Amino acid sequence: MIAMESLPREIMLNILSKLPTPSLLNAKLVSRSWKNLAEDPILIDLHFTHMASNNTNPCLILHGDHPIQNQLYALYLYPHNNNVGLVKSISSPPVPDFNVAASCNGWLCLSNSSKNTFHLYNPFNSDFMELPKSAHDQSSDFCTVLGFGFQAETKEYKILKLSRVSGNVRGHRICGYGPPPNAEILTLGSLTWRSLGQINYDPVQSASQVMVNGRLHWVNWPLRHHHNHRLISFDLSEEKFRLVPCPNSAAGFEGHGYHRIKLVTREGCLSVVSNINYGSFEIWVMKEYGVRQSWRKEFNISSEIPRELEEEVDPAFKISRLYRRSFTRVVCSMKNGEILLQYKCRTLVAYDPRHGTFTNIKIPGMPNMFEAVAHAGNLNGIDRLLTGL
């Protein structure tokens, strides 16, 4: 058997680039020479290109909140068998409390709503940066929605921040009421936010924010606008908001709350998940971006609650923020055509649309309670983030 160290460097880099991100992190621990290889900029670029290809599943970040708050895990599921994978505990950012607002090119955008602070974090190399503060970050009375994306033409990362004074309903702080939000944008590398003025939309902060066709997309609050105005986009190049045509007959768009509607991408297309009944979904796909007539209902997923979720929930978990946000949702599409679902922050389930079957995913090392975020893992550092590489 030929020792790997005896292979030409180019071949070694190519082999290592095909490893899942958690495995590549483990490879750095083998020896000093392997560590040097794993930190080679050529390998980092090759690895990210391979992870972003159509032959791999996204690496999932699991944000655990019970029994210990703010624990992060990386989960990689192999493309041809979703019950075979890797789980690795990874370092949490150096902040006491955070929510994952968005993911882009291996970076997580984190928010701390109680302190109005925002950060970018690479969970695979622990690189971390706090975003500059703006005038709207000085008060806890503001509700904030974040958008985070990459503008390929200029190779710039941009963060969009929508801030509005929170309303008060029966003594509770509620977003979605009060005056329209103010929009600000930050291009990474700049020290100041640019104001885009007040906008007439109320996007919902959600992990279902998606980037398609150079635009960020959200579901809109239904409280102040007509029900058909549920999807909005923000063009990172033109820095403008637009309405996106909705499916004409998606049940979740008529007479239901925003919590019934989530966004995902499927084969690069904008897709809407409409939660019709408890645990039941319709998935609509916009085959031609911006064309209402191109929406197609591809899936109708009936309810199947895993048996273990019918057991009594740990009372301590009921006070955690994950339990308060607990719902059944679509996480992402898998490369084998299956749909990855998360049930009540407690388990992942793969749905096979060809046979209408469900498979519980149980990989050793997964936390008991978590929120899953689809993530394109990479090992790029802050310097490459700021230069758009």
Protein backbone atom coordinates (compact mmCIF):
# COMPACT_ATOMS: atom_id res chain seq x y z
CA MET A 1 0.00 0.00 0.00
CA ILE A 2 1.38 3.42 -0.98
CA ALA A 3 1.67 5.94 1.87
CA MET A 4 -0.30 9.07 1.15
CA GLU A 5 2.73 11.26 1.96
CA SER A 6 4.56 9.65 -0.98
CA LEU A 7 2.01 10.91 -3.51
CA PRO A 8 2.60 14.11 -5.47
CA ARG A 9 1.21 17.16 -3.64
CA GLU A 10 -1.34 17.87 -6.38
CA ILE A 11 -2.83 14.39 -6.03
CA MET A 12 -2.92 14.65 -2.24
CA LEU A 13 -4.72 17.99 -2.45
CA ASN A 14 -7.25 16.56 -4.87
CA ILE A 15 -7.95 13.55 -2.61
CA LEU A 16 -8.33 15.67 0.52
CA SER A 17 -10.60 18.16 -1.27
CA LYS A 18 -13.25 15.45 -1.65
CA LEU A 19 -13.48 14.80 2.09
CA PRO A 20 -16.54 16.11 3.96
CA THR A 21 -15.67 19.21 5.96
CA PRO A 22 -15.80 17.40 9.35
CA SER A 23 -13.40 14.73 8.01
CA LEU A 24 -11.04 17.39 6.67
CA LEU A 25 -10.94 18.92 10.13
CA ASN A 26 -10.01 15.52 11.56
CA ALA A 27 -7.31 15.13 8.90
CA LYS A 28 -5.58 18.25 10.25
CA LEU A 29 -4.95 16.34 13.48
CA VAL A 30 -3.05 13.46 11.82
CA SER A 31 0.32 15.18 11.55
CA ARG A 32 1.98 18.54 10.96
CA SER A 33 2.35 17.80 7.24
CA TRP A 34 -1.36 16.96 6.92
CA LYS A 35 -2.24 20.13 8.81
CA ASN A 36 -0.16 22.17 6.36
CA LEU A 37 -1.93 20.47 3.46
CA ALA A 38 -5.38 21.09 4.95
CA GLU A 39 -4.59 24.80 5.32
CA ASP A 40 -3.25 25.19 1.77
CA PRO A 41 -5.33 27.89 -0.03
CA ILE A 42 -5.45 25.67 -3.13
CA LEU A 43 -7.02 22.86 -1.11
CA ILE A 44 -9.49 25.25 0.52
CA ASP A 45 -10.65 26.43 -2.92
CA LEU A 46 -10.83 22.88 -4.30
CA HIS A 47 -12.74 21.69 -1.26
CA PHE A 48 -15.33 24.47 -1.42
CA THR A 49 -15.85 23.89 -5.16
CA HIS A 50 -16.43 20.19 -4.52
CA MET A 51 -18.78 20.80 -1.58
CA ALA A 52 -20.81 23.24 -3.71
CA SER A 53 -21.11 20.74 -6.59
CA ASN A 54 -24.22 18.78 -7.44
CA ASN A 55 -22.73 15.54 -6.13
CA THR A 56 -22.75 16.27 -2.41
CA ASN A 57 -25.31 16.97 0.28
CA PRO A 58 -25.10 20.25 2.20
CA CYS A 59 -23.30 20.06 5.51
CA LEU A 60 -25.86 20.67 8.24
CA ILE A 61 -25.11 22.87 11.24
CA LEU A 62 -27.06 21.70 14.28
CA HIS A 63 -27.56 24.48 16.85
CA GLY A 64 -28.32 22.79 20.15
CA ASP A 65 -30.00 24.61 23.02
CA HIS A 66 -30.78 21.85 25.51
CA PRO A 67 -29.58 20.88 28.03
CA ILE A 68 -26.59 23.21 27.36
CA GLN A 69 -27.22 26.38 25.39
CA ASN A 70 -25.50 27.31 22.12
CA GLN A 71 -23.74 24.07 21.25
CA LEU A 72 -22.82 23.60 17.58
CA TYR A 73 -22.46 20.33 15.68
CA ALA A 74 -21.64 19.59 12.05
CA LEU A 75 -23.58 16.79 10.36
CA TYR A 76 -22.63 15.43 6.96
CA LEU A 77 -24.94 12.87 5.31
CA TYR A 78 -23.49 10.79 2.50
CA PRO A 79 -25.24 11.32 -0.86
CA HIS A 80 -26.46 7.76 -1.49
CA ASN A 81 -27.49 6.77 2.04
CA ASN A 82 -28.94 9.41 4.35
CA ASN A 83 -28.56 7.13 7.36
CA VAL A 84 -24.76 7.06 7.01
CA GLY A 85 -22.84 10.18 7.96
CA LEU A 86 -20.53 12.04 10.28
CA VAL A 87 -21.27 14.17 13.33
CA LYS A 88 -18.63 16.44 14.82
CA SER A 89 -18.93 18.80 17.76
CA ILE A 90 -17.50 22.17 16.70
CA SER A 91 -16.51 25.31 18.56
CA SER A 92 -19.18 27.87 19.38
CA PRO A 93 -18.52 31.59 18.76
CA PRO A 94 -17.24 33.71 21.67
CA VAL A 95 -20.63 35.26 22.43
CA PRO A 96 -22.92 34.22 25.31
CA ASP A 97 -26.09 33.93 23.26
CA PHE A 98 -26.93 33.85 19.56
CA ASN A 99 -29.38 32.82 16.85
CA VAL A 100 -28.36 31.68 13.37
CA ALA A 101 -29.95 34.21 11.02
CA ALA A 102 -28.45 33.07 7.70
CA SER A 103 -25.74 30.99 6.02
CA CYS A 104 -23.72 31.90 2.94
CA ASN A 105 -20.62 30.27 1.40
CA GLY A 106 -19.52 28.66 4.65
CA TRP A 107 -20.22 31.63 6.90
CA LEU A 108 -22.97 31.95 9.49
CA CYS A 109 -24.61 35.29 10.20
CA LEU A 110 -25.43 35.41 13.91
CA SER A 111 -27.66 37.76 15.86
CA ASN A 112 -28.08 38.50 19.54
CA SER A 113 -31.49 40.19 19.72
CA SER A 114 -31.19 41.15 23.39
CA LYS A 115 -28.04 43.20 22.76
CA ASN A 116 -28.59 44.06 19.08
CA THR A 117 -25.19 42.72 18.08
CA PHE A 118 -24.43 40.86 14.86
CA HIS A 119 -21.50 38.66 13.88
CA LEU A 120 -20.12 36.49 11.11
CA TYR A 121 -18.67 33.13 12.08
CA ASN A 122 -16.99 30.25 10.26
CA PRO A 123 -17.78 27.22 12.45
CA PHE A 124 -15.03 25.11 10.86
CA ASN A 125 -12.04 27.33 11.60
CA SER A 126 -13.56 29.52 14.38
CA ASP A 127 -12.86 32.76 12.48
CA PHE A 128 -15.17 35.41 13.89
CA MET A 129 -15.94 39.08 13.35
CA GLU A 130 -18.40 41.51 14.89
CA LEU A 131 -20.24 43.73 12.45
CA PRO A 132 -20.11 47.52 12.94
CA LYS A 133 -22.97 49.06 14.85
CA SER A 134 -25.47 51.44 13.32
CA ALA A 135 -27.86 53.96 14.84
CA HIS A 136 -30.61 51.31 15.06
CA ASP A 137 -28.42 48.95 17.10
CA GLN A 138 -28.37 51.21 20.14
CA SER A 139 -31.85 50.32 21.41
CA SER A 140 -33.44 47.03 22.41
CA ASP A 141 -36.82 48.39 21.25
CA PHE A 142 -36.00 47.49 17.65
CA CYS A 143 -36.89 44.25 15.87
CA THR A 144 -34.31 43.31 13.27
CA VAL A 145 -34.40 41.13 10.17
CA LEU A 146 -31.07 40.18 8.57
CA GLY A 147 -30.14 39.14 5.06
CA PHE A 148 -26.69 37.83 4.10
CA GLY A 149 -25.54 37.09 0.56
CA PHE A 150 -22.73 37.13 -1.98
CA GLN A 151 -22.76 39.32 -5.09
CA ALA A 152 -20.85 37.22 -7.61
CA GLU A 153 -20.26 40.01 -10.17
CA THR A 154 -18.33 42.22 -7.77
CA LYS A 155 -17.23 39.40 -5.41
CA GLU A 156 -18.68 41.26 -2.44
CA TYR A 157 -20.50 39.96 0.62
CA LYS A 158 -23.38 42.13 1.74
CA ILE A 159 -25.50 42.20 4.89
CA LEU A 160 -28.96 43.74 4.75
CA LYS A 161 -30.52 44.88 8.02
CA LEU A 162 -34.17 45.89 8.43
CA SER A 163 -34.95 47.58 11.76
CA ARG A 164 -38.29 48.66 13.09
CA VAL A 165 -39.67 49.73 16.44
CA SER A 166 -41.37 46.73 17.99
CA GLY A 167 -45.06 47.03 18.76
CA ASN A 168 -46.67 46.27 22.10
CA VAL A 169 -49.67 43.97 22.22
CA ARG A 170 -51.11 43.28 25.68
CA GLY A 171 -47.76 44.00 27.26
CA HIS A 172 -45.76 41.77 24.90
CA ARG A 173 -43.10 42.96 22.45
CA ILE A 174 -44.33 42.04 18.97
CA CYS A 175 -42.71 42.55 15.56
CA GLY A 176 -44.97 43.15 12.57
CA TYR A 177 -46.73 46.13 14.16
CA GLY A 178 -45.85 49.80 14.15
CA PRO A 179 -44.18 51.92 11.44
CA PRO A 180 -42.48 50.32 8.40
CA PRO A 181 -38.87 49.20 8.85
CA ASN A 182 -35.74 51.13 7.89
CA ALA A 183 -33.29 49.35 5.58
CA GLU A 184 -29.51 49.54 5.85
CA ILE A 185 -26.82 47.65 3.96
CA LEU A 186 -23.20 46.88 4.78
CA THR A 187 -20.62 45.75 2.24
CA LEU A 188 -18.02 43.68 4.04
CA GLY A 189 -14.79 45.64 4.28
CA SER A 190 -16.67 48.88 4.90
CA LEU A 191 -16.90 50.32 8.40
CA THR A 192 -20.30 51.98 8.00
CA TRP A 193 -23.83 50.98 7.07
CA ARG A 194 -25.52 52.75 4.15
CA SER A 195 -29.15 53.77 4.59
CA LEU A 196 -31.67 52.62 1.98
CA GLY A 197 -34.51 54.48 3.67
CA GLN A 198 -37.88 53.23 4.83
CA ILE A 199 -39.46 50.32 2.95
CA ASN A 200 -43.06 49.15 2.61
CA TYR A 201 -42.39 45.48 3.32
CA ASP A 202 -42.18 43.50 6.56
CA PRO A 203 -39.97 40.44 5.99
CA VAL A 204 -40.08 37.67 8.56
CA GLN A 205 -36.72 36.71 10.06
CA SER A 206 -36.37 33.04 9.38
CA ALA A 207 -33.77 30.40 8.67
CA SER A 208 -35.76 29.80 5.46
CA GLN A 209 -34.30 32.95 3.87
CA VAL A 210 -32.91 31.81 0.49
CA MET A 211 -30.62 33.22 -2.19
CA VAL A 212 -31.76 32.64 -5.79
CA ASN A 213 -30.93 34.51 -9.01
CA GLY A 214 -28.71 37.02 -7.18
CA ARG A 215 -31.52 37.96 -4.80
CA LEU A 216 -32.35 37.31 -1.16
CA HIS A 217 -35.93 36.17 -0.49
CA TRP A 218 -38.24 36.23 2.50
CA VAL A 219 -41.84 35.61 3.42
CA ASN A 220 -43.63 38.90 4.15
CA TRP A 221 -45.67 39.62 7.27
CA PRO A 222 -49.37 39.32 6.27
CA LEU A 223 -50.64 41.90 8.75
CA ARG A 224 -50.31 45.08 6.72
CA HIS A 225 -50.51 43.87 3.12
CA HIS A 226 -52.75 41.89 0.83
CA HIS A 227 -52.38 38.13 1.19
CA ASN A 228 -50.96 37.74 -2.32
CA HIS A 229 -47.97 39.93 -1.38
CA ARG A 230 -46.28 37.21 0.62
CA LEU A 231 -42.89 36.85 -1.12
CA ILE A 232 -40.36 39.65 -1.50
CA SER A 233 -36.83 39.79 -2.86
CA PHE A 234 -33.82 42.05 -2.50
CA ASP A 235 -31.47 42.37 -5.47
CA LEU A 236 -27.90 42.52 -4.12
CA SER A 237 -26.62 44.20 -7.30
CA GLU A 238 -29.29 46.89 -7.74
CA GLU A 239 -30.01 47.04 -3.99
CA LYS A 240 -33.76 47.17 -4.60
CA PHE A 241 -36.77 45.31 -3.18
CA ARG A 242 -39.31 43.62 -5.40
CA LEU A 243 -42.44 41.53 -5.03
CA VAL A 244 -42.17 37.97 -6.28
CA PRO A 245 -45.27 36.38 -7.83
CA CYS A 246 -46.76 33.64 -5.64
CA PRO A 247 -48.35 30.37 -6.71
CA ASN A 248 -51.95 31.07 -7.67
CA SER A 249 -53.50 28.20 -5.77
CA ALA A 250 -51.08 27.31 -2.96
CA ALA A 251 -53.34 26.73 0.04
CA GLY A 252 -50.91 28.31 2.48
CA PHE A 253 -51.20 31.67 0.71
CA GLU A 254 -54.87 32.07 1.35
CA GLY A 255 -56.09 32.85 4.84
CA HIS A 256 -53.17 31.39 6.82
CA GLY A 257 -50.41 32.96 8.89
CA TYR A 258 -46.82 33.49 7.81
CA HIS A 259 -45.73 30.52 9.96
CA ARG A 260 -47.44 28.23 7.42
CA ILE A 261 -45.05 29.28 4.63
CA LYS A 262 -41.31 28.64 4.34
CA LEU A 263 -38.78 29.03 1.54
CA VAL A 264 -36.19 26.55 0.26
CA THR A 265 -34.29 25.97 -2.97
CA ARG A 266 -34.74 22.88 -5.11
CA GLU A 267 -32.34 22.25 -7.97
CA GLY A 268 -31.44 25.94 -7.89
CA CYS A 269 -35.07 27.10 -8.11
CA LEU A 270 -37.03 29.19 -5.61
CA SER A 271 -39.45 26.90 -3.80
CA VAL A 272 -42.29 27.46 -1.36
CA VAL A 273 -43.24 25.03 1.39
CA SER A 274 -46.88 25.48 2.34
CA ASN A 275 -47.84 23.83 5.64
CA ILE A 276 -51.47 22.89 5.07
CA ASN A 277 -52.18 20.88 8.19
CA TYR A 278 -50.10 19.73 11.12
CA GLY A 279 -47.07 18.03 9.55
CA SER A 280 -48.52 18.08 6.00
CA PHE A 281 -46.79 20.02 3.22
CA GLU A 282 -47.14 21.15 -0.34
CA ILE A 283 -43.91 22.10 -2.11
CA TRP A 284 -44.19 24.48 -5.04
CA VAL A 285 -41.24 25.16 -7.36
CA MET A 286 -40.80 28.24 -9.58
CA LYS A 287 -39.31 26.64 -12.71
CA GLU A 288 -38.65 29.98 -14.45
CA TYR A 289 -37.66 32.72 -12.05
CA GLY A 290 -40.13 35.61 -11.86
CA VAL A 291 -42.82 33.94 -13.99
CA ARG A 292 -45.99 33.22 -12.03
CA GLN A 293 -47.22 30.64 -14.55
CA SER A 294 -44.04 28.58 -14.04
CA TRP A 295 -44.94 27.57 -10.45
CA ARG A 296 -45.47 23.80 -10.22
CA LYS A 297 -46.68 21.76 -7.26
CA GLU A 298 -44.08 18.99 -7.13
CA PHE A 299 -44.82 17.36 -3.78
CA ASN A 300 -47.72 16.79 -1.44
CA ILE A 301 -46.24 15.30 1.72
CA SER A 302 -48.69 13.77 4.15
CA SER A 303 -48.17 13.82 7.89
CA GLU A 304 -46.08 11.16 9.56
CA ILE A 305 -44.94 11.94 13.09
CA PRO A 306 -42.08 9.70 14.27
CA ARG A 307 -43.22 7.54 17.15
CA GLU A 308 -40.57 8.78 19.55
CA LEU A 309 -41.92 12.34 19.20
CA GLU A 310 -45.21 11.26 20.71
CA GLU A 311 -43.47 10.65 24.02
CA GLU A 312 -43.57 13.22 26.82
CA VAL A 313 -41.22 16.17 26.23
CA ASP A 314 -38.63 16.84 28.93
CA PRO A 315 -40.16 19.67 31.06
CA ALA A 316 -36.81 21.48 31.10
CA PHE A 317 -36.88 21.65 27.29
CA LYS A 318 -40.24 23.44 27.37
CA ILE A 319 -38.56 26.63 28.65
CA SER A 320 -35.88 26.66 25.94
CA ARG A 321 -36.12 28.97 22.96
CA LEU A 322 -36.02 26.02 20.56
CA TYR A 323 -39.23 24.64 22.08
CA ARG A 324 -40.89 28.05 21.70
CA ARG A 325 -39.95 27.99 18.00
CA SER A 326 -40.65 24.29 17.62
CA PHE A 327 -42.38 23.33 14.40
CA THR A 328 -42.24 20.82 11.57
CA ARG A 329 -40.33 22.20 8.61
CA VAL A 330 -38.43 21.39 5.44
CA VAL A 331 -34.66 21.86 5.88
CA CYS A 332 -33.38 21.26 2.33
CA SER A 333 -33.38 18.95 -0.69
CA MET A 334 -30.89 16.08 -0.72
CA LYS A 335 -28.80 15.06 -3.73
CA ASN A 336 -30.60 11.72 -4.06
CA GLY A 337 -33.89 13.59 -4.59
CA GLU A 338 -35.20 13.10 -1.06
CA ILE A 339 -36.54 15.96 1.09
CA LEU A 340 -35.01 16.51 4.53
CA LEU A 341 -37.57 17.39 7.22
CA GLN A 342 -37.10 18.38 10.84
CA TYR A 343 -39.75 17.46 13.40
CA LYS A 344 -40.12 19.61 16.51
CA CYS A 345 -36.38 20.31 16.85
CA ARG A 346 -35.96 16.67 17.89
CA THR A 347 -35.25 14.55 14.81
CA LEU A 348 -34.46 14.62 11.09
CA VAL A 349 -36.54 12.61 8.63
CA ALA A 350 -35.83 11.95 4.94
CA TYR A 351 -38.90 11.82 2.68
CA ASP A 352 -38.60 9.81 -0.54
CA PRO A 353 -41.07 11.34 -3.04
CA ARG A 354 -40.74 8.38 -5.42
CA HIS A 355 -42.18 5.91 -2.91
CA GLY A 356 -43.89 8.24 -0.42
CA THR A 357 -41.83 6.82 2.45
CA PHE A 358 -40.14 8.38 5.49
CA THR A 359 -36.83 7.38 7.07
CA ASN A 360 -35.73 8.61 10.49
CA ILE A 361 -32.11 9.76 10.43
CA LYS A 362 -30.12 8.67 13.47
CA ILE A 363 -26.38 9.31 13.35
CA PRO A 364 -24.34 8.67 16.53
CA GLY A 365 -23.35 11.95 18.15
CA MET A 366 -26.40 13.99 17.13
CA PRO A 367 -27.78 16.17 19.96
CA ASN A 368 -31.22 15.43 21.38
CA MET A 369 -32.68 18.88 20.64
CA PHE A 370 -31.46 21.17 17.88
CA GLU A 371 -32.27 23.48 15.00
CA ALA A 372 -30.78 22.41 11.64
CA VAL A 373 -29.36 24.87 9.09
CA ALA A 374 -28.21 23.80 5.61
CA HIS A 375 -24.62 25.00 5.24
CA ALA A 376 -21.91 24.98 2.57
CA GLY A 377 -18.89 24.33 4.79
CA ASN A 378 -15.47 25.75 3.96
CA LEU A 379 -12.22 26.65 5.70
CA ASN A 380 -11.79 30.20 4.37
CA GLY A 381 -10.58 32.81 6.82
CA ILE A 382 -11.60 36.41 7.45
CA ASP A 383 -9.05 37.78 4.99
CA ARG A 384 -10.60 35.85 2.12
CA LEU A 385 -14.10 36.77 3.24
CA LEU A 386 -13.26 40.47 3.05
CA THR A 387 -11.75 40.13 -0.42
CA GLY A 388 -14.64 38.04 -1.74
CA LEU A 389 -12.54 34.94 -2.43
